[in-house]
Amino acid sequence: MTITATEYKYIELDDKGVPVIAGTTMKVVELVEAQIAYGWSPEKLHLNHRYLTMSQILSALAYYWDNKEELDAEIKARDEYVKQAEIAAGESPFVARMRERVLLP
């Protein structure tokens, strides 16, 4: 796997050009998605991702804000992929059984 350094001390690009937090497998968009989904501050992100340092978190957030348009497009593409996968998968057998038993609407 090829890693490319960036001007952000704690952010590297993997062999596909995806920004990841150095020394981890966490993608910058994954951290940003957590912040968006839960409204977490950098301190809350650190509390919920103890393996990341505050410097790594702040560097990832700085990278996001400096590349917002590109990363927002990636987040949107991920959301669309999940929606399409859910449609393709259909209703789970568990949910179908619960509907049969009138435990779910």
N, C-alpha and C. Protein backbone atom coordinates (compact mmCIF):
# COMPACT_ATOMS: atom_id res chain seq x y z
N MET A 1 0.84 -1.18 0.00
CA MET A 1 0.00 0.00 0.00
C MET A 1 0.88 1.23 0.00
N THR A 2 0.60 2.13 -0.90
CA THR A 2 1.37 3.36 -1.03
C THR A 2 0.70 4.48 -0.23
N ILE A 3 1.48 5.15 0.57
CA ILE A 3 0.99 6.27 1.38
C ILE A 3 1.67 7.54 0.88
N THR A 4 0.88 8.58 0.69
CA THR A 4 1.40 9.87 0.25
C THR A 4 1.17 10.90 1.34
N ALA A 5 2.22 11.60 1.71
CA ALA A 5 2.11 12.65 2.73
C ALA A 5 1.34 13.84 2.16
N THR A 6 0.73 14.59 3.05
CA THR A 6 0.04 15.83 2.66
C THR A 6 0.66 16.96 3.47
N GLU A 7 0.20 18.17 3.25
CA GLU A 7 0.71 19.29 4.03
C GLU A 7 0.14 19.28 5.45
N TYR A 8 -0.79 18.38 5.72
CA TYR A 8 -1.37 18.23 7.05
C TYR A 8 -0.60 17.13 7.77
N LYS A 9 -0.03 17.46 8.90
CA LYS A 9 0.88 16.55 9.60
C LYS A 9 0.29 15.16 9.84
N TYR A 10 -0.98 15.08 10.16
CA TYR A 10 -1.58 13.81 10.54
C TYR A 10 -2.50 13.21 9.47
N ILE A 11 -2.43 13.72 8.26
CA ILE A 11 -3.28 13.22 7.18
C ILE A 11 -2.41 12.70 6.04
N GLU A 12 -2.72 11.49 5.59
CA GLU A 12 -2.03 10.88 4.47
C GLU A 12 -3.06 10.45 3.43
N LEU A 13 -2.62 10.30 2.19
CA LEU A 13 -3.47 9.77 1.14
C LEU A 13 -3.07 8.33 0.89
N ASP A 14 -4.08 7.43 0.88
CA ASP A 14 -3.75 6.04 0.61
C ASP A 14 -3.53 5.85 -0.89
N ASP A 15 -3.32 4.61 -1.32
CA ASP A 15 -3.00 4.36 -2.73
C ASP A 15 -4.15 4.70 -3.68
N LYS A 16 -5.35 4.91 -3.15
CA LYS A 16 -6.49 5.33 -3.97
C LYS A 16 -6.72 6.84 -3.88
N GLY A 17 -5.85 7.54 -3.15
CA GLY A 17 -5.98 8.98 -3.00
C GLY A 17 -6.97 9.40 -1.93
N VAL A 18 -7.37 8.45 -1.08
CA VAL A 18 -8.34 8.72 -0.02
C VAL A 18 -7.59 9.23 1.21
N PRO A 19 -8.01 10.38 1.77
CA PRO A 19 -7.33 10.89 2.96
C PRO A 19 -7.67 10.07 4.20
N VAL A 20 -6.62 9.61 4.88
CA VAL A 20 -6.76 8.84 6.11
C VAL A 20 -5.94 9.50 7.21
N ILE A 21 -6.33 9.23 8.44
CA ILE A 21 -5.59 9.77 9.57
C ILE A 21 -4.34 8.91 9.76
N ALA A 22 -3.19 9.55 9.74
CA ALA A 22 -1.90 8.85 9.81
C ALA A 22 -1.84 7.89 10.99
N GLY A 23 -1.32 6.70 10.74
CA GLY A 23 -1.16 5.71 11.79
C GLY A 23 -2.44 4.94 12.11
N THR A 24 -3.51 5.20 11.36
CA THR A 24 -4.79 4.52 11.57
C THR A 24 -5.35 4.08 10.22
N THR A 25 -6.47 3.41 10.27
CA THR A 25 -7.19 3.10 9.03
C THR A 25 -8.42 3.98 8.87
N MET A 26 -8.59 4.97 9.77
CA MET A 26 -9.78 5.82 9.72
C MET A 26 -9.65 6.87 8.63
N LYS A 27 -10.66 6.88 7.77
CA LYS A 27 -10.74 7.88 6.72
C LYS A 27 -11.24 9.20 7.32
N VAL A 28 -10.78 10.30 6.76
CA VAL A 28 -11.22 11.61 7.22
C VAL A 28 -12.74 11.72 7.13
N VAL A 29 -13.32 11.22 6.03
CA VAL A 29 -14.78 11.33 5.87
C VAL A 29 -15.52 10.56 6.96
N GLU A 30 -14.96 9.48 7.47
CA GLU A 30 -15.61 8.73 8.54
C GLU A 30 -15.69 9.55 9.82
N LEU A 31 -14.63 10.26 10.13
CA LEU A 31 -14.64 11.12 11.31
C LEU A 31 -15.62 12.27 11.13
N VAL A 32 -15.63 12.85 9.94
CA VAL A 32 -16.54 13.96 9.65
C VAL A 32 -17.99 13.49 9.70
N GLU A 33 -18.26 12.29 9.17
CA GLU A 33 -19.62 11.75 9.22
C GLU A 33 -20.09 11.58 10.66
N ALA A 34 -19.21 11.16 11.53
CA ALA A 34 -19.56 11.04 12.95
C ALA A 34 -19.87 12.41 13.53
N GLN A 35 -19.08 13.39 13.17
CA GLN A 35 -19.33 14.74 13.68
C GLN A 35 -20.67 15.27 13.18
N ILE A 36 -20.97 15.04 11.91
CA ILE A 36 -22.22 15.51 11.33
C ILE A 36 -23.41 14.76 11.95
N ALA A 37 -23.30 13.45 12.03
CA ALA A 37 -24.41 12.62 12.51
C ALA A 37 -24.78 12.92 13.95
N TYR A 38 -23.78 13.12 14.79
CA TYR A 38 -24.03 13.28 16.22
C TYR A 38 -23.85 14.71 16.73
N GLY A 39 -23.35 15.60 15.86
CA GLY A 39 -23.12 16.98 16.29
C GLY A 39 -22.00 17.10 17.30
N TRP A 40 -21.02 16.19 17.23
CA TRP A 40 -19.95 16.16 18.21
C TRP A 40 -18.92 17.26 17.98
N SER A 41 -18.46 17.84 19.07
CA SER A 41 -17.34 18.77 19.05
C SER A 41 -16.06 17.95 18.90
N PRO A 42 -14.93 18.60 18.62
CA PRO A 42 -13.66 17.85 18.58
C PRO A 42 -13.40 17.08 19.88
N GLU A 43 -13.78 17.67 21.02
CA GLU A 43 -13.57 16.99 22.30
C GLU A 43 -14.43 15.72 22.40
N LYS A 44 -15.68 15.80 21.93
CA LYS A 44 -16.56 14.62 21.94
C LYS A 44 -16.05 13.56 20.97
N LEU A 45 -15.53 14.01 19.82
CA LEU A 45 -14.94 13.05 18.88
C LEU A 45 -13.80 12.30 19.56
N HIS A 46 -12.98 13.04 20.32
CA HIS A 46 -11.86 12.42 21.03
C HIS A 46 -12.36 11.44 22.09
N LEU A 47 -13.39 11.83 22.80
CA LEU A 47 -13.97 10.96 23.83
C LEU A 47 -14.47 9.65 23.23
N ASN A 48 -15.02 9.72 22.02
CA ASN A 48 -15.58 8.54 21.38
C ASN A 48 -14.61 7.81 20.46
N HIS A 49 -13.45 8.40 20.24
CA HIS A 49 -12.39 7.77 19.43
C HIS A 49 -11.08 7.95 20.18
N ARG A 50 -10.96 7.28 21.30
CA ARG A 50 -9.80 7.46 22.20
C ARG A 50 -8.46 7.15 21.54
N TYR A 51 -8.47 6.33 20.52
CA TYR A 51 -7.22 5.97 19.86
C TYR A 51 -6.67 7.11 18.99
N LEU A 52 -7.48 8.16 18.80
CA LEU A 52 -7.03 9.34 18.05
C LEU A 52 -6.60 10.43 19.03
N THR A 53 -5.54 11.13 18.68
CA THR A 53 -5.13 12.26 19.50
C THR A 53 -5.94 13.49 19.06
N MET A 54 -6.00 14.48 19.91
CA MET A 54 -6.67 15.72 19.54
C MET A 54 -6.00 16.33 18.31
N SER A 55 -4.69 16.21 18.20
CA SER A 55 -3.98 16.75 17.04
C SER A 55 -4.43 16.05 15.76
N GLN A 56 -4.61 14.74 15.82
CA GLN A 56 -5.09 14.00 14.65
C GLN A 56 -6.50 14.45 14.27
N ILE A 57 -7.35 14.60 15.27
CA ILE A 57 -8.74 15.02 15.03
C ILE A 57 -8.79 16.41 14.42
N LEU A 58 -8.06 17.34 15.02
CA LEU A 58 -8.07 18.72 14.51
C LEU A 58 -7.45 18.81 13.12
N SER A 59 -6.44 18.02 12.86
CA SER A 59 -5.84 17.99 11.53
C SER A 59 -6.83 17.45 10.50
N ALA A 60 -7.58 16.39 10.88
CA ALA A 60 -8.59 15.83 9.98
C ALA A 60 -9.69 16.84 9.70
N LEU A 61 -10.12 17.55 10.72
CA LEU A 61 -11.17 18.55 10.53
C LEU A 61 -10.67 19.72 9.68
N ALA A 62 -9.42 20.12 9.86
CA ALA A 62 -8.84 21.18 9.03
C ALA A 62 -8.76 20.72 7.58
N TYR A 63 -8.35 19.47 7.38
CA TYR A 63 -8.30 18.92 6.01
C TYR A 63 -9.70 18.94 5.40
N TYR A 64 -10.69 18.56 6.17
CA TYR A 64 -12.07 18.56 5.67
C TYR A 64 -12.48 19.97 5.24
N TRP A 65 -12.28 20.96 6.10
CA TRP A 65 -12.73 22.31 5.77
C TRP A 65 -11.97 22.89 4.58
N ASP A 66 -10.73 22.49 4.41
CA ASP A 66 -9.96 22.98 3.26
C ASP A 66 -10.31 22.23 1.97
N ASN A 67 -10.98 21.09 2.09
CA ASN A 67 -11.35 20.27 0.94
C ASN A 67 -12.83 19.90 1.00
N LYS A 68 -13.63 20.79 1.56
CA LYS A 68 -15.03 20.53 1.88
C LYS A 68 -15.85 20.06 0.68
N GLU A 69 -15.74 20.74 -0.43
CA GLU A 69 -16.55 20.40 -1.60
C GLU A 69 -16.30 18.95 -2.06
N GLU A 70 -15.04 18.59 -2.15
CA GLU A 70 -14.67 17.23 -2.58
C GLU A 70 -15.14 16.18 -1.58
N LEU A 71 -14.92 16.43 -0.29
CA LEU A 71 -15.29 15.46 0.73
C LEU A 71 -16.80 15.39 0.93
N ASP A 72 -17.51 16.51 0.77
CA ASP A 72 -18.97 16.47 0.84
C ASP A 72 -19.53 15.62 -0.30
N ALA A 73 -18.91 15.70 -1.47
CA ALA A 73 -19.33 14.86 -2.60
C ALA A 73 -19.12 13.38 -2.27
N GLU A 74 -18.01 13.06 -1.61
CA GLU A 74 -17.74 11.68 -1.19
C GLU A 74 -18.77 11.21 -0.17
N ILE A 75 -19.11 12.06 0.78
CA ILE A 75 -20.12 11.71 1.79
C ILE A 75 -21.48 11.48 1.12
N LYS A 76 -21.83 12.33 0.17
CA LYS A 76 -23.09 12.16 -0.55
C LYS A 76 -23.09 10.85 -1.33
N ALA A 77 -22.00 10.52 -1.98
CA ALA A 77 -21.89 9.27 -2.74
C ALA A 77 -22.03 8.06 -1.81
N ARG A 78 -21.44 8.14 -0.62
CA ARG A 78 -21.57 7.05 0.36
C ARG A 78 -23.02 6.88 0.79
N ASP A 79 -23.71 7.99 1.04
CA ASP A 79 -25.11 7.93 1.44
C ASP A 79 -25.96 7.30 0.34
N GLU A 80 -25.72 7.69 -0.90
CA GLU A 80 -26.46 7.13 -2.03
C GLU A 80 -26.21 5.63 -2.16
N TYR A 81 -24.96 5.22 -1.97
CA TYR A 81 -24.61 3.80 -2.05
C TYR A 81 -25.39 3.00 -1.00
N VAL A 82 -25.45 3.53 0.21
CA VAL A 82 -26.18 2.84 1.29
C VAL A 82 -27.66 2.75 0.96
N LYS A 83 -28.24 3.83 0.46
CA LYS A 83 -29.66 3.81 0.09
C LYS A 83 -29.93 2.77 -0.98
N GLN A 84 -29.09 2.71 -2.00
CA GLN A 84 -29.26 1.74 -3.08
C GLN A 84 -29.08 0.31 -2.57
N ALA A 85 -28.13 0.10 -1.68
CA ALA A 85 -27.91 -1.23 -1.11
C ALA A 85 -29.11 -1.67 -0.28
N GLU A 86 -29.70 -0.74 0.47
CA GLU A 86 -30.89 -1.07 1.26
C GLU A 86 -32.06 -1.45 0.37
N ILE A 87 -32.22 -0.73 -0.73
CA ILE A 87 -33.30 -1.04 -1.67
C ILE A 87 -33.06 -2.41 -2.30
N ALA A 88 -31.82 -2.66 -2.71
CA ALA A 88 -31.49 -3.93 -3.36
C ALA A 88 -31.65 -5.11 -2.40
N ALA A 89 -31.35 -4.91 -1.13
CA ALA A 89 -31.44 -5.99 -0.15
C ALA A 89 -32.88 -6.32 0.20
N GLY A 90 -33.75 -5.34 0.10
CA GLY A 90 -35.16 -5.58 0.45
C GLY A 90 -35.34 -5.75 1.95
N GLU A 91 -36.54 -6.16 2.31
CA GLU A 91 -36.85 -6.33 3.73
C GLU A 91 -36.17 -7.57 4.29
N SER A 92 -35.65 -7.45 5.49
CA SER A 92 -34.97 -8.60 6.11
C SER A 92 -35.99 -9.64 6.54
N PRO A 93 -35.59 -10.90 6.58
CA PRO A 93 -36.50 -11.96 7.04
C PRO A 93 -37.01 -11.69 8.46
N PHE A 94 -36.17 -11.12 9.31
CA PHE A 94 -36.57 -10.83 10.69
C PHE A 94 -37.73 -9.82 10.70
N VAL A 95 -37.58 -8.75 9.93
CA VAL A 95 -38.63 -7.73 9.88
C VAL A 95 -39.91 -8.32 9.30
N ALA A 96 -39.78 -9.17 8.30
CA ALA A 96 -40.97 -9.81 7.71
C ALA A 96 -41.70 -10.64 8.76
N ARG A 97 -40.95 -11.40 9.57
CA ARG A 97 -41.58 -12.21 10.63
C ARG A 97 -42.27 -11.32 11.66
N MET A 98 -41.66 -10.21 12.00
CA MET A 98 -42.25 -9.30 12.98
C MET A 98 -43.55 -8.68 12.43
N ARG A 99 -43.55 -8.39 11.13
CA ARG A 99 -44.78 -7.85 10.51
C ARG A 99 -45.88 -8.92 10.52
N GLU A 100 -45.52 -10.15 10.22
CA GLU A 100 -46.49 -11.25 10.25
C GLU A 100 -47.12 -11.40 11.62
N ARG A 101 -46.35 -11.20 12.63
CA ARG A 101 -46.84 -11.33 14.02
C ARG A 101 -47.46 -10.03 14.53
N VAL A 102 -47.55 -9.05 13.66
CA VAL A 102 -48.12 -7.74 13.95
C VAL A 102 -47.37 -7.04 15.09
N LEU A 103 -46.09 -7.27 15.13
CA LEU A 103 -45.24 -6.59 16.12
C LEU A 103 -44.63 -5.32 15.54
N LEU A 104 -44.72 -5.21 14.21
CA LEU A 104 -44.25 -4.00 13.51
C LEU A 104 -45.36 -3.57 12.56
N PRO A 105 -45.48 -2.27 12.33
CA PRO A 105 -46.50 -1.79 11.39
C PRO A 105 -46.20 -2.20 9.96
